[in-house]
PDB file of N, CA and C in Angstrom:
ATOM      1  N   MET A   1     -16.723 -10.284  -3.787  1.00  0.00           N
ATOM      2  CA  MET A   1     -15.620  -9.454  -4.219  1.00  0.00           C
ATOM      3  C   MET A   1     -14.616 -10.323  -4.969  1.00  0.00           C
ATOM      4  N   SER A   2     -14.045  -9.757  -5.969  1.00  0.00           N
ATOM      5  CA  SER A   2     -13.066 -10.463  -6.766  1.00  0.00           C
ATOM      6  C   SER A   2     -11.807 -10.753  -5.946  1.00  0.00           C
ATOM      7  N   GLN A   3     -11.218 -11.899  -6.173  1.00  0.00           N
ATOM      8  CA  GLN A   3     -10.002 -12.279  -5.469  1.00  0.00           C
ATOM      9  C   GLN A   3      -8.744 -11.828  -6.206  1.00  0.00           C
ATOM     10  N   SER A   4      -8.904 -11.263  -7.397  1.00  0.00           N
ATOM     11  CA  SER A   4      -7.731 -10.895  -8.179  1.00  0.00           C
ATOM     12  C   SER A   4      -7.220  -9.510  -7.805  1.00  0.00           C
ATOM     13  N   PHE A   5      -6.001  -9.285  -8.164  1.00  0.00           N
ATOM     14  CA  PHE A   5      -5.355  -7.993  -7.958  1.00  0.00           C
ATOM     15  C   PHE A   5      -5.009  -7.502  -9.365  1.00  0.00           C
ATOM     16  N   GLY A   6      -6.023  -7.010 -10.070  1.00  0.00           N
ATOM     17  CA  GLY A   6      -5.919  -6.697 -11.489  1.00  0.00           C
ATOM     18  C   GLY A   6      -5.009  -5.536 -11.821  1.00  0.00           C
ATOM     19  N   ARG A   7      -4.780  -5.384 -13.113  1.00  0.00           N
ATOM     20  CA  ARG A   7      -3.896  -4.337 -13.607  1.00  0.00           C
ATOM     21  C   ARG A   7      -4.417  -2.941 -13.285  1.00  0.00           C
ATOM     22  N   HIS A   8      -5.721  -2.780 -13.223  1.00  0.00           N
ATOM     23  CA  HIS A   8      -6.296  -1.453 -13.000  1.00  0.00           C
ATOM     24  C   HIS A   8      -6.076  -0.938 -11.579  1.00  0.00           C
ATOM     25  N   VAL A   9      -5.678  -1.790 -10.639  1.00  0.00           N
ATOM     26  CA  VAL A   9      -5.435  -1.347  -9.261  1.00  0.00           C
ATOM     27  C   VAL A   9      -3.954  -1.425  -8.884  1.00  0.00           C
ATOM     28  N   ARG A  10      -3.072  -1.511  -9.874  1.00  0.00           N
ATOM     29  CA  ARG A  10      -1.632  -1.584  -9.622  1.00  0.00           C
ATOM     30  C   ARG A  10      -0.907  -0.374 -10.200  1.00  0.00           C
ATOM     31  N   LEU A  11       0.138   0.030  -9.516  1.00  0.00           N
ATOM     32  CA  LEU A  11       1.101   0.941 -10.125  1.00  0.00           C
ATOM     33  C   LEU A  11       2.031   0.047 -10.928  1.00  0.00           C
ATOM     34  N   ARG A  12       2.205   0.349 -12.214  1.00  0.00           N
ATOM     35  CA  ARG A  12       2.871  -0.620 -13.070  1.00  0.00           C
ATOM     36  C   ARG A  12       4.211  -0.200 -13.639  1.00  0.00           C
ATOM     37  N   ASN A  13       4.526   1.086 -13.619  1.00  0.00           N
ATOM     38  CA  ASN A  13       5.822   1.447 -14.196  1.00  0.00           C
ATOM     39  C   ASN A  13       6.578   2.412 -13.289  1.00  0.00           C
ATOM     40  N   ARG A  14       7.829   2.564 -13.596  1.00  0.00           N
ATOM     41  CA  ARG A  14       8.739   3.363 -12.768  1.00  0.00           C
ATOM     42  C   ARG A  14       8.262   4.804 -12.622  1.00  0.00           C
ATOM     43  N   ALA A  15       7.735   5.384 -13.684  1.00  0.00           N
ATOM     44  CA  ALA A  15       7.291   6.779 -13.638  1.00  0.00           C
ATOM     45  C   ALA A  15       6.175   6.965 -12.611  1.00  0.00           C
ATOM     46  N   GLU A  16       5.260   6.002 -12.515  1.00  0.00           N
ATOM     47  CA  GLU A  16       4.182   6.098 -11.533  1.00  0.00           C
ATOM     48  C   GLU A  16       4.719   6.023 -10.113  1.00  0.00           C
ATOM     49  N   PHE A  17       5.647   5.105  -9.874  1.00  0.00           N
ATOM     50  CA  PHE A  17       6.259   4.989  -8.551  1.00  0.00           C
ATOM     51  C   PHE A  17       7.019   6.263  -8.185  1.00  0.00           C
ATOM     52  N   LEU A  18       7.796   6.786  -9.119  1.00  0.00           N
ATOM     53  CA  LEU A  18       8.582   7.989  -8.849  1.00  0.00           C
ATOM     54  C   LEU A  18       7.696   9.193  -8.581  1.00  0.00           C
ATOM     55  N   ALA A  19       6.584   9.303  -9.283  1.00  0.00           N
ATOM     56  CA  ALA A  19       5.670  10.425  -9.056  1.00  0.00           C
ATOM     57  C   ALA A  19       5.144  10.396  -7.626  1.00  0.00           C
ATOM     58  N   VAL A  20       4.770   9.221  -7.149  1.00  0.00           N
ATOM     59  CA  VAL A  20       4.261   9.109  -5.779  1.00  0.00           C
ATOM     60  C   VAL A  20       5.380   9.405  -4.778  1.00  0.00           C
ATOM     61  N   GLN A  21       6.569   8.882  -5.030  1.00  0.00           N
ATOM     62  CA  GLN A  21       7.667   9.079  -4.096  1.00  0.00           C
ATOM     63  C   GLN A  21       8.131  10.534  -4.050  1.00  0.00           C
ATOM     64  N   GLU A  22       8.087  11.239  -5.171  1.00  0.00           N
ATOM     65  CA  GLU A  22       8.587  12.615  -5.208  1.00  0.00           C
ATOM     66  C   GLU A  22       7.535  13.635  -4.791  1.00  0.00           C
ATOM     67  N   GLN A  23       6.277  13.419  -5.156  1.00  0.00           N
ATOM     68  CA  GLN A  23       5.239  14.427  -4.932  1.00  0.00           C
ATOM     69  C   GLN A  23       4.248  14.058  -3.840  1.00  0.00           C
ATOM     70  N   GLY A  24       4.256  12.791  -3.403  1.00  0.00           N
ATOM     71  CA  GLY A  24       3.246  12.340  -2.461  1.00  0.00           C
ATOM     72  C   GLY A  24       3.556  12.656  -1.012  1.00  0.00           C
ATOM     73  N   ARG A  25       2.563  12.403  -0.184  1.00  0.00           N
ATOM     74  CA  ARG A  25       2.717  12.558   1.272  1.00  0.00           C
ATOM     75  C   ARG A  25       3.193  11.237   1.853  1.00  0.00           C
ATOM     76  N   ARG A  26       3.995  11.327   2.912  1.00  0.00           N
ATOM     77  CA  ARG A  26       4.617  10.150   3.519  1.00  0.00           C
ATOM     78  C   ARG A  26       4.206  10.047   4.983  1.00  0.00           C
ATOM     79  N   LEU A  27       3.966   8.796   5.398  1.00  0.00           N
ATOM     80  CA  LEU A  27       3.694   8.521   6.805  1.00  0.00           C
ATOM     81  C   LEU A  27       4.398   7.223   7.167  1.00  0.00           C
ATOM     82  N   SER A  28       5.307   7.293   8.136  1.00  0.00           N
ATOM     83  CA  SER A  28       6.039   6.106   8.575  1.00  0.00           C
ATOM     84  C   SER A  28       5.384   5.523   9.805  1.00  0.00           C
ATOM     85  N   GLY A  29       5.168   4.226   9.769  1.00  0.00           N
ATOM     86  CA  GLY A  29       4.633   3.507  10.906  1.00  0.00           C
ATOM     87  C   GLY A  29       5.657   2.525  11.428  1.00  0.00           C
ATOM     88  N   ARG A  30       5.238   1.699  12.358  1.00  0.00           N
ATOM     89  CA  ARG A  30       6.163   0.734  12.949  1.00  0.00           C
ATOM     90  C   ARG A  30       6.521  -0.384  11.970  1.00  0.00           C
ATOM     91  N   HIS A  31       5.576  -0.777  11.133  1.00  0.00           N
ATOM     92  CA  HIS A  31       5.789  -1.925  10.257  1.00  0.00           C
ATOM     93  C   HIS A  31       5.903  -1.583   8.776  1.00  0.00           C
ATOM     94  N   MET A  32       5.539  -0.339   8.412  1.00  0.00           N
ATOM     95  CA  MET A  32       5.570   0.039   6.999  1.00  0.00           C
ATOM     96  C   MET A  32       5.562   1.558   6.861  1.00  0.00           C
ATOM     97  N   THR A  33       5.989   2.009   5.700  1.00  0.00           N
ATOM     98  CA  THR A  33       5.909   3.415   5.329  1.00  0.00           C
ATOM     99  C   THR A  33       4.936   3.520   4.169  1.00  0.00           C
ATOM    100  N   LEU A  34       3.995   4.467   4.260  1.00  0.00           N
ATOM    101  CA  LEU A  34       3.028   4.685   3.194  1.00  0.00           C
ATOM    102  C   LEU A  34       3.288   6.027   2.534  1.00  0.00           C
ATOM    103  N   LEU A  35       3.206   6.044   1.223  1.00  0.00           N
ATOM    104  CA  LEU A  35       3.278   7.269   0.443  1.00  0.00           C
ATOM    105  C   LEU A  35       2.014   7.316  -0.407  1.00  0.00           C
ATOM    106  N   VAL A  36       1.338   8.455  -0.430  1.00  0.00           N
ATOM    107  CA  VAL A  36       0.110   8.563  -1.219  1.00  0.00           C
ATOM    108  C   VAL A  36       0.122   9.828  -2.059  1.00  0.00           C
ATOM    109  N   LEU A  37      -0.538   9.735  -3.197  1.00  0.00           N
ATOM    110  CA  LEU A  37      -0.691  10.856  -4.111  1.00  0.00           C
ATOM    111  C   LEU A  37      -2.053  10.719  -4.781  1.00  0.00           C
ATOM    112  N   PRO A  38      -2.874  11.769  -4.768  1.00  0.00           N
ATOM    113  CA  PRO A  38      -4.177  11.689  -5.438  1.00  0.00           C
ATOM    114  C   PRO A  38      -4.007  11.380  -6.926  1.00  0.00           C
ATOM    115  N   ASN A  39      -4.945  10.611  -7.478  1.00  0.00           N
ATOM    116  CA  ASN A  39      -4.904  10.299  -8.903  1.00  0.00           C
ATOM    117  C   ASN A  39      -6.247  10.604  -9.552  1.00  0.00           C
ATOM    118  N   THR A  40      -6.296  10.510 -10.859  1.00  0.00           N
ATOM    119  CA  THR A  40      -7.520  10.799 -11.612  1.00  0.00           C
ATOM    120  C   THR A  40      -8.125   9.546 -12.227  1.00  0.00           C
ATOM    121  N   HIS A  41      -7.725   8.380 -11.756  1.00  0.00           N
ATOM    122  CA  HIS A  41      -8.187   7.123 -12.341  1.00  0.00           C
ATOM    123  C   HIS A  41      -9.521   6.650 -11.778  1.00  0.00           C
ATOM    124  N   GLY A  42      -9.967   7.242 -10.686  1.00  0.00           N
ATOM    125  CA  GLY A  42     -11.244   6.858 -10.100  1.00  0.00           C
ATOM    126  C   GLY A  42     -11.178   5.620  -9.229  1.00  0.00           C
ATOM    127  N   VAL A  43      -9.988   5.067  -9.038  1.00  0.00           N
ATOM    128  CA  VAL A  43      -9.809   3.877  -8.209  1.00  0.00           C
ATOM    129  C   VAL A  43      -8.462   3.978  -7.502  1.00  0.00           C
ATOM    130  N   ASP A  44      -8.398   3.490  -6.265  1.00  0.00           N
ATOM    131  CA  ASP A  44      -7.118   3.440  -5.558  1.00  0.00           C
ATOM    132  C   ASP A  44      -6.224   2.425  -6.240  1.00  0.00           C
ATOM    133  N   ARG A  45      -4.933   2.781  -6.366  1.00  0.00           N
ATOM    134  CA  ARG A  45      -3.959   1.863  -6.959  1.00  0.00           C
ATOM    135  C   ARG A  45      -2.823   1.647  -5.978  1.00  0.00           C
ATOM    136  N   LEU A  46      -2.238   0.457  -5.989  1.00  0.00           N
ATOM    137  CA  LEU A  46      -1.211   0.069  -5.022  1.00  0.00           C
ATOM    138  C   LEU A  46       0.080  -0.324  -5.711  1.00  0.00           C
ATOM    139  N   GLY A  47       1.187   0.065  -5.084  1.00  0.00           N
ATOM    140  CA  GLY A  47       2.510  -0.388  -5.478  1.00  0.00           C
ATOM    141  C   GLY A  47       3.287  -0.745  -4.217  1.00  0.00           C
ATOM    142  N   VAL A  48       4.106  -1.774  -4.288  1.00  0.00           N
ATOM    143  CA  VAL A  48       4.887  -2.216  -3.135  1.00  0.00           C
ATOM    144  C   VAL A  48       6.359  -2.197  -3.519  1.00  0.00           C
ATOM    145  N   VAL A  49       7.180  -1.602  -2.651  1.00  0.00           N
ATOM    146  CA  VAL A  49       8.627  -1.558  -2.858  1.00  0.00           C
ATOM    147  C   VAL A  49       9.263  -2.383  -1.748  1.00  0.00           C
ATOM    148  N   ALA A  50       9.747  -3.576  -2.092  1.00  0.00           N
ATOM    149  CA  ALA A  50      10.360  -4.479  -1.120  1.00  0.00           C
ATOM    150  C   ALA A  50      11.808  -4.721  -1.542  1.00  0.00           C
ATOM    151  N   SER A  51      12.719  -3.998  -0.932  1.00  0.00           N
ATOM    152  CA  SER A  51      14.126  -4.109  -1.310  1.00  0.00           C
ATOM    153  C   SER A  51      14.779  -5.312  -0.627  1.00  0.00           C
ATOM    154  N   LYS A  52      16.004  -5.592  -1.014  1.00  0.00           N
ATOM    155  CA  LYS A  52      16.736  -6.715  -0.424  1.00  0.00           C
ATOM    156  C   LYS A  52      17.080  -6.489   1.039  1.00  0.00           C
ATOM    157  N   LYS A  53      16.994  -5.237   1.502  1.00  0.00           N
ATOM    158  CA  LYS A  53      17.221  -4.971   2.921  1.00  0.00           C
ATOM    159  C   LYS A  53      16.161  -5.654   3.776  1.00  0.00           C
ATOM    160  N   LEU A  54      15.015  -5.918   3.191  1.00  0.00           N
ATOM    161  CA  LEU A  54      13.914  -6.559   3.895  1.00  0.00           C
ATOM    162  C   LEU A  54      14.250  -8.012   4.225  1.00  0.00           C
ATOM    163  N   GLY A  55      14.970  -8.684   3.342  1.00  0.00           N
ATOM    164  CA  GLY A  55      15.324 -10.081   3.551  1.00  0.00           C
ATOM    165  C   GLY A  55      15.446 -10.789   2.220  1.00  0.00           C
ATOM    166  N   GLY A  56      15.469 -12.109   2.288  1.00  0.00           N
ATOM    167  CA  GLY A  56      15.565 -12.919   1.078  1.00  0.00           C
ATOM    168  C   GLY A  56      14.272 -12.877   0.277  1.00  0.00           C
ATOM    169  N   ALA A  57      14.263 -13.599  -0.836  1.00  0.00           N
ATOM    170  CA  ALA A  57      13.118 -13.584  -1.738  1.00  0.00           C
ATOM    171  C   ALA A  57      11.841 -14.079  -1.056  1.00  0.00           C
ATOM    172  N   VAL A  58      11.959 -15.076  -0.212  1.00  0.00           N
ATOM    173  CA  VAL A  58      10.782 -15.607   0.467  1.00  0.00           C
ATOM    174  C   VAL A  58      10.160 -14.553   1.376  1.00  0.00           C
ATOM    175  N   VAL A  59      10.982 -13.851   2.111  1.00  0.00           N
ATOM    176  CA  VAL A  59      10.499 -12.812   3.026  1.00  0.00           C
ATOM    177  C   VAL A  59       9.900 -11.646   2.242  1.00  0.00           C
ATOM    178  N   ARG A  60      10.574 -11.225   1.174  1.00  0.00           N
ATOM    179  CA  ARG A  60      10.056 -10.116   0.363  1.00  0.00           C
ATOM    180  C   ARG A  60       8.714 -10.467  -0.267  1.00  0.00           C
ATOM    181  N   ASN A  61       8.599 -11.657  -0.806  1.00  0.00           N
ATOM    182  CA  ASN A  61       7.343 -12.065  -1.430  1.00  0.00           C
ATOM    183  C   ASN A  61       6.225 -12.198  -0.412  1.00  0.00           C
ATOM    184  N   ARG A  62       6.531 -12.686   0.772  1.00  0.00           N
ATOM    185  CA  ARG A  62       5.512 -12.792   1.817  1.00  0.00           C
ATOM    186  C   ARG A  62       5.031 -11.402   2.236  1.00  0.00           C
ATOM    187  N   ALA A  63       5.959 -10.471   2.365  1.00  0.00           N
ATOM    188  CA  ALA A  63       5.595  -9.098   2.730  1.00  0.00           C
ATOM    189  C   ALA A  63       4.695  -8.492   1.654  1.00  0.00           C
ATOM    190  N   LYS A  64       5.028  -8.701   0.379  1.00  0.00           N
ATOM    191  CA  LYS A  64       4.211  -8.149  -0.703  1.00  0.00           C
ATOM    192  C   LYS A  64       2.822  -8.779  -0.724  1.00  0.00           C
ATOM    193  N   ARG A  65       2.734 -10.076  -0.494  1.00  0.00           N
ATOM    194  CA  ARG A  65       1.420 -10.746  -0.444  1.00  0.00           C
ATOM    195  C   ARG A  65       0.567 -10.190   0.687  1.00  0.00           C
ATOM    196  N   ARG A  66       1.180  -9.964   1.832  1.00  0.00           N
ATOM    197  CA  ARG A  66       0.431  -9.433   2.977  1.00  0.00           C
ATOM    198  C   ARG A  66      -0.055  -8.010   2.711  1.00  0.00           C
ATOM    199  N   VAL A  67       0.773  -7.185   2.097  1.00  0.00           N
ATOM    200  CA  VAL A  67       0.369  -5.806   1.776  1.00  0.00           C
ATOM    201  C   VAL A  67      -0.776  -5.818   0.763  1.00  0.00           C
ATOM    202  N   ARG A  68      -0.675  -6.655  -0.267  1.00  0.00           N
ATOM    203  CA  ARG A  68      -1.756  -6.742  -1.258  1.00  0.00           C
ATOM    204  C   ARG A  68      -3.058  -7.198  -0.622  1.00  0.00           C
ATOM    205  N   GLU A  69      -2.982  -8.121   0.330  1.00  0.00           N
ATOM    206  CA  GLU A  69      -4.193  -8.593   1.014  1.00  0.00           C
ATOM    207  C   GLU A  69      -4.785  -7.497   1.894  1.00  0.00           C
ATOM    208  N   MET A  70      -3.959  -6.715   2.577  1.00  0.00           N
ATOM    209  CA  MET A  70      -4.471  -5.591   3.368  1.00  0.00           C
ATOM    210  C   MET A  70      -5.201  -4.605   2.466  1.00  0.00           C
ATOM    211  N   PHE A  71      -4.615  -4.323   1.311  1.00  0.00           N
ATOM    212  CA  PHE A  71      -5.233  -3.418   0.354  1.00  0.00           C
ATOM    213  C   PHE A  71      -6.564  -3.982  -0.135  1.00  0.00           C
ATOM    214  N   ARG A  72      -6.589  -5.259  -0.479  1.00  0.00           N
ATOM    215  CA  ARG A  72      -7.801  -5.892  -1.000  1.00  0.00           C
ATOM    216  C   ARG A  72      -8.919  -5.912   0.039  1.00  0.00           C
ATOM    217  N   LEU A  73      -8.588  -6.229   1.284  1.00  0.00           N
ATOM    218  CA  LEU A  73      -9.608  -6.294   2.332  1.00  0.00           C
ATOM    219  C   LEU A  73     -10.170  -4.922   2.682  1.00  0.00           C
ATOM    220  N   GLY A  74      -9.413  -3.871   2.495  1.00  0.00           N
ATOM    221  CA  GLY A  74      -9.888  -2.529   2.796  1.00  0.00           C
ATOM    222  C   GLY A  74     -10.622  -1.869   1.645  1.00  0.00           C
ATOM    223  N   GLN A  75     -10.707  -2.525   0.504  1.00  0.00           N
ATOM    224  CA  GLN A  75     -11.317  -1.938  -0.683  1.00  0.00           C
ATOM    225  C   GLN A  75     -12.762  -1.481  -0.488  1.00  0.00           C
ATOM    226  N   PRO A  76     -13.653  -2.241   0.161  1.00  0.00           N
ATOM    227  CA  PRO A  76     -15.049  -1.777   0.290  1.00  0.00           C
ATOM    228  C   PRO A  76     -15.185  -0.446   1.028  1.00  0.00           C
ATOM    229  N   THR A  77     -14.374  -0.202   2.043  1.00  0.00           N
ATOM    230  CA  THR A  77     -14.470   1.068   2.769  1.00  0.00           C
ATOM    231  C   THR A  77     -13.863   2.214   1.971  1.00  0.00           C
ATOM    232  N   ARG A  78     -12.821   1.923   1.166  1.00  0.00           N
ATOM    233  CA  ARG A  78     -12.214   2.967   0.350  1.00  0.00           C
ATOM    234  C   ARG A  78     -13.117   3.365  -0.802  1.00  0.00           C
ATOM    235  N   ASP A  79     -13.983   2.473  -1.255  1.00  0.00           N
ATOM    236  CA  ASP A  79     -14.876   2.786  -2.364  1.00  0.00           C
ATOM    237  C   ASP A  79     -15.871   3.884  -1.992  1.00  0.00           C
ATOM    238  N   LEU A  80     -16.067   4.121  -0.699  1.00  0.00           N
ATOM    239  CA  LEU A  80     -17.017   5.129  -0.253  1.00  0.00           C
ATOM    240  C   LEU A  80     -16.424   6.537  -0.239  1.00  0.00           C
ATOM    241  N   THR A  81     -15.118   6.646  -0.397  1.00  0.00           N
ATOM    242  CA  THR A  81     -14.470   7.953  -0.352  1.00  0.00           C
ATOM    243  C   THR A  81     -14.472   8.587  -1.741  1.00  0.00           C
ATOM    244  N   PRO A  82     -14.578   9.916  -1.807  1.00  0.00           N
ATOM    245  CA  PRO A  82     -14.726  10.578  -3.102  1.00  0.00           C
ATOM    246  C   PRO A  82     -13.462  10.654  -3.947  1.00  0.00           C
ATOM    247  N   ARG A  83     -12.280  10.679  -3.322  1.00  0.00           N
ATOM    248  CA  ARG A  83     -11.084  10.815  -4.152  1.00  0.00           C
ATOM    249  C   ARG A  83     -10.243   9.548  -4.095  1.00  0.00           C
ATOM    250  N   SER A  84      -9.608   9.254  -5.208  1.00  0.00           N
ATOM    251  CA  SER A  84      -8.798   8.049  -5.300  1.00  0.00           C
ATOM    252  C   SER A  84      -7.320   8.406  -5.151  1.00  0.00           C
ATOM    253  N   LEU A  85      -6.550   7.420  -4.721  1.00  0.00           N
ATOM    254  CA  LEU A  85      -5.142   7.634  -4.412  1.00  0.00           C
ATOM    255  C   LEU A  85      -4.260   6.602  -5.090  1.00  0.00           C
ATOM    256  N   ASP A  86      -3.036   6.996  -5.386  1.00  0.00           N
ATOM    257  CA  ASP A  86      -1.964   6.057  -5.704  1.00  0.00           C
ATOM    258  C   ASP A  86      -1.223   5.843  -4.390  1.00  0.00           C
ATOM    259  N   ILE A  87      -1.052   4.585  -4.005  1.00  0.00           N
ATOM    260  CA  ILE A  87      -0.454   4.241  -2.715  1.00  0.00           C
ATOM    261  C   ILE A  87       0.795   3.406  -2.959  1.00  0.00           C
ATOM    262  N   VAL A  88       1.902   3.823  -2.355  1.00  0.00           N
ATOM    263  CA  VAL A  88       3.130   3.026  -2.380  1.00  0.00           C
ATOM    264  C   VAL A  88       3.430   2.628  -0.941  1.00  0.00           C
ATOM    265  N   VAL A  89       3.630   1.326  -0.727  1.00  0.00           N
ATOM    266  CA  VAL A  89       3.937   0.805   0.600  1.00  0.00           C
ATOM    267  C   VAL A  89       5.368   0.278   0.581  1.00  0.00           C
ATOM    268  N   ILE A  90       6.138   0.696   1.581  1.00  0.00           N
ATOM    269  CA  ILE A  90       7.500   0.197   1.767  1.00  0.00           C
ATOM    270  C   ILE A  90       7.500  -0.584   3.081  1.00  0.00           C
ATOM    271  N   PRO A  91       7.473  -1.921   3.006  1.00  0.00           N
ATOM    272  CA  PRO A  91       7.435  -2.712   4.237  1.00  0.00           C
ATOM    273  C   PRO A  91       8.766  -2.667   4.975  1.00  0.00           C
ATOM    274  N   LYS A  92       8.682  -2.812   6.300  1.00  0.00           N
ATOM    275  CA  LYS A  92       9.874  -2.906   7.136  1.00  0.00           C
ATOM    276  C   LYS A  92      10.049  -4.361   7.566  1.00  0.00           C
ATOM    277  N   ARG A  93      11.194  -4.702   8.110  1.00  0.00           N
ATOM    278  CA  ARG A  93      11.502  -6.089   8.468  1.00  0.00           C
ATOM    279  C   ARG A  93      10.474  -6.725   9.387  1.00  0.00           C
ATOM    280  N   GLU A  94       9.918  -5.940  10.302  1.00  0.00           N
ATOM    281  CA  GLU A  94       8.983  -6.473  11.292  1.00  0.00           C
ATOM    282  C   GLU A  94       7.659  -6.915  10.670  1.00  0.00           C
ATOM    283  N   LEU A  95       7.350  -6.457   9.457  1.00  0.00           N
ATOM    284  CA  LEU A  95       6.065  -6.753   8.837  1.00  0.00           C
ATOM    285  C   LEU A  95       5.836  -8.243   8.647  1.00  0.00           C
ATOM    286  N   ALA A  96       6.855  -8.972   8.273  1.00  0.00           N
ATOM    287  CA  ALA A  96       6.689 -10.391   7.957  1.00  0.00           C
ATOM    288  C   ALA A  96       6.307 -11.232   9.174  1.00  0.00           C
ATOM    289  N   ALA A  97       6.705 -10.812  10.372  1.00  0.00           N
ATOM    290  CA  ALA A  97       6.460 -11.622  11.566  1.00  0.00           C
ATOM    291  C   ALA A  97       5.311 -11.091  12.431  1.00  0.00           C
ATOM    292  N   THR A  98       4.699  -9.995  12.049  1.00  0.00           N
ATOM    293  CA  THR A  98       3.647  -9.373  12.853  1.00  0.00           C
ATOM    294  C   THR A  98       2.294  -9.988  12.524  1.00  0.00           C
ATOM    295  N   PRO A  99       1.411 -10.148  13.509  1.00  0.00           N
ATOM    296  CA  PRO A  99       0.069 -10.676  13.231  1.00  0.00           C
ATOM    297  C   PRO A  99      -0.666  -9.796  12.212  1.00  0.00           C
ATOM    298  N   PHE A 100      -1.420 -10.451  11.332  1.00  0.00           N
ATOM    299  CA  PHE A 100      -2.061  -9.759  10.233  1.00  0.00           C
ATOM    300  C   PHE A 100      -3.044  -8.694  10.708  1.00  0.00           C
ATOM    301  N   GLU A 101      -3.777  -8.959  11.775  1.00  0.00           N
ATOM    302  CA  GLU A 101      -4.772  -7.998  12.269  1.00  0.00           C
ATOM    303  C   GLU A 101      -4.110  -6.687  12.689  1.00  0.00           C
ATOM    304  N   THR A 102      -2.931  -6.782  13.288  1.00  0.00           N
ATOM    305  CA  THR A 102      -2.179  -5.595  13.682  1.00  0.00           C
ATOM    306  C   THR A 102      -1.778  -4.784  12.452  1.00  0.00           C
ATOM    307  N   LEU A 103      -1.313  -5.484  11.433  1.00  0.00           N
ATOM    308  CA  LEU A 103      -0.910  -4.810  10.204  1.00  0.00           C
ATOM    309  C   LEU A 103      -2.101  -4.140   9.524  1.00  0.00           C
ATOM    310  N   GLN A 104      -3.227  -4.844   9.491  1.00  0.00           N
ATOM    311  CA  GLN A 104      -4.425  -4.297   8.853  1.00  0.00           C
ATOM    312  C   GLN A 104      -4.869  -3.014   9.550  1.00  0.00           C
ATOM    313  N   HIS A 105      -4.834  -3.036  10.874  1.00  0.00           N
ATOM    314  CA  HIS A 105      -5.223  -1.850  11.638  1.00  0.00           C
ATOM    315  C   HIS A 105      -4.276  -0.687  11.348  1.00  0.00           C
ATOM    316  N   GLU A 106      -2.961  -0.949  11.342  1.00  0.00           N
ATOM    317  CA  GLU A 106      -1.980   0.112  11.070  1.00  0.00           C
ATOM    318  C   GLU A 106      -2.154   0.667   9.659  1.00  0.00           C
ATOM    319  N   PHE A 107      -2.361  -0.212   8.694  1.00  0.00           N
ATOM    320  CA  PHE A 107      -2.532   0.203   7.305  1.00  0.00           C
ATOM    321  C   PHE A 107      -3.772   1.088   7.148  1.00  0.00           C
ATOM    322  N   ASP A 108      -4.894   0.641   7.694  1.00  0.00           N
ATOM    323  CA  ASP A 108      -6.139   1.411   7.580  1.00  0.00           C
ATOM    324  C   ASP A 108      -6.044   2.757   8.286  1.00  0.00           C
ATOM    325  N   ALA A 109      -5.434   2.776   9.473  1.00  0.00           N
ATOM    326  CA  ALA A 109      -5.292   4.020  10.232  1.00  0.00           C
ATOM    327  C   ALA A 109      -4.395   5.011   9.481  1.00  0.00           C
ATOM    328  N   ALA A 110      -3.283   4.525   8.971  1.00  0.00           N
ATOM    329  CA  ALA A 110      -2.360   5.402   8.243  1.00  0.00           C
ATOM    330  C   ALA A 110      -3.009   5.938   6.971  1.00  0.00           C
ATOM    331  N   LEU A 111      -3.739   5.080   6.279  1.00  0.00           N
ATOM    332  CA  LEU A 111      -4.372   5.502   5.038  1.00  0.00           C
ATOM    333  C   LEU A 111      -5.462   6.538   5.290  1.00  0.00           C
ATOM    334  N   SER A 112      -6.244   6.328   6.329  1.00  0.00           N
ATOM    335  CA  SER A 112      -7.294   7.313   6.621  1.00  0.00           C
ATOM    336  C   SER A 112      -6.688   8.639   7.094  1.00  0.00           C
ATOM    337  N   LYS A 113      -5.571   8.582   7.801  1.00  0.00           N
ATOM    338  CA  LYS A 113      -4.881   9.803   8.236  1.00  0.00           C
ATOM    339  C   LYS A 113      -4.337  10.575   7.035  1.00  0.00           C
ATOM    340  N   LEU A 114      -3.731   9.854   6.091  1.00  0.00           N
ATOM    341  CA  LEU A 114      -3.195  10.500   4.898  1.00  0.00           C
ATOM    342  C   LEU A 114      -4.311  11.013   3.992  1.00  0.00           C
ATOM    343  N   ARG A 115      -5.413  10.294   3.933  1.00  0.00           N
ATOM    344  CA  ARG A 115      -6.534  10.711   3.093  1.00  0.00           C
ATOM    345  C   ARG A 115      -7.168  11.997   3.635  1.00  0.00           C
ATOM    346  N   ALA A 116      -7.127  12.185   4.947  1.00  0.00           N
ATOM    347  CA  ALA A 116      -7.729  13.359   5.574  1.00  0.00           C
ATOM    348  C   ALA A 116      -6.926  14.632   5.292  1.00  0.00           C
ATOM    349  N   ARG A 117      -5.640  14.494   5.018  1.00  0.00           N
ATOM    350  CA  ARG A 117      -4.782  15.666   4.786  1.00  0.00           C
ATOM    351  C   ARG A 117      -5.100  16.329   3.472  1.00  0.00           C
TER     352      ARG A 117
END
């Protein structure tokens, strides 16, 4: 599997983020909030919103790296699903200090719950 997080799997502009935030479904967890909206691109795409409330630049960047890695590791199982989604993740403060396996489980569970709706 490719180690890159290419342009084709990213939400890249404000309009895409706003569409997911305004029209998508939301699920809040202990460590993150997920918003999803079906898309027609044939591939799941990810966007991360890490505001200054999360912490300094180091904390925000670490949270974004962890979210991107959760998305990348879950890609093989998502490829088996028929519909693709635009996903926006809003990390919470606890995300940076939580063990990665816990975060991965929460992310996958929330995504499968939202995909089922």
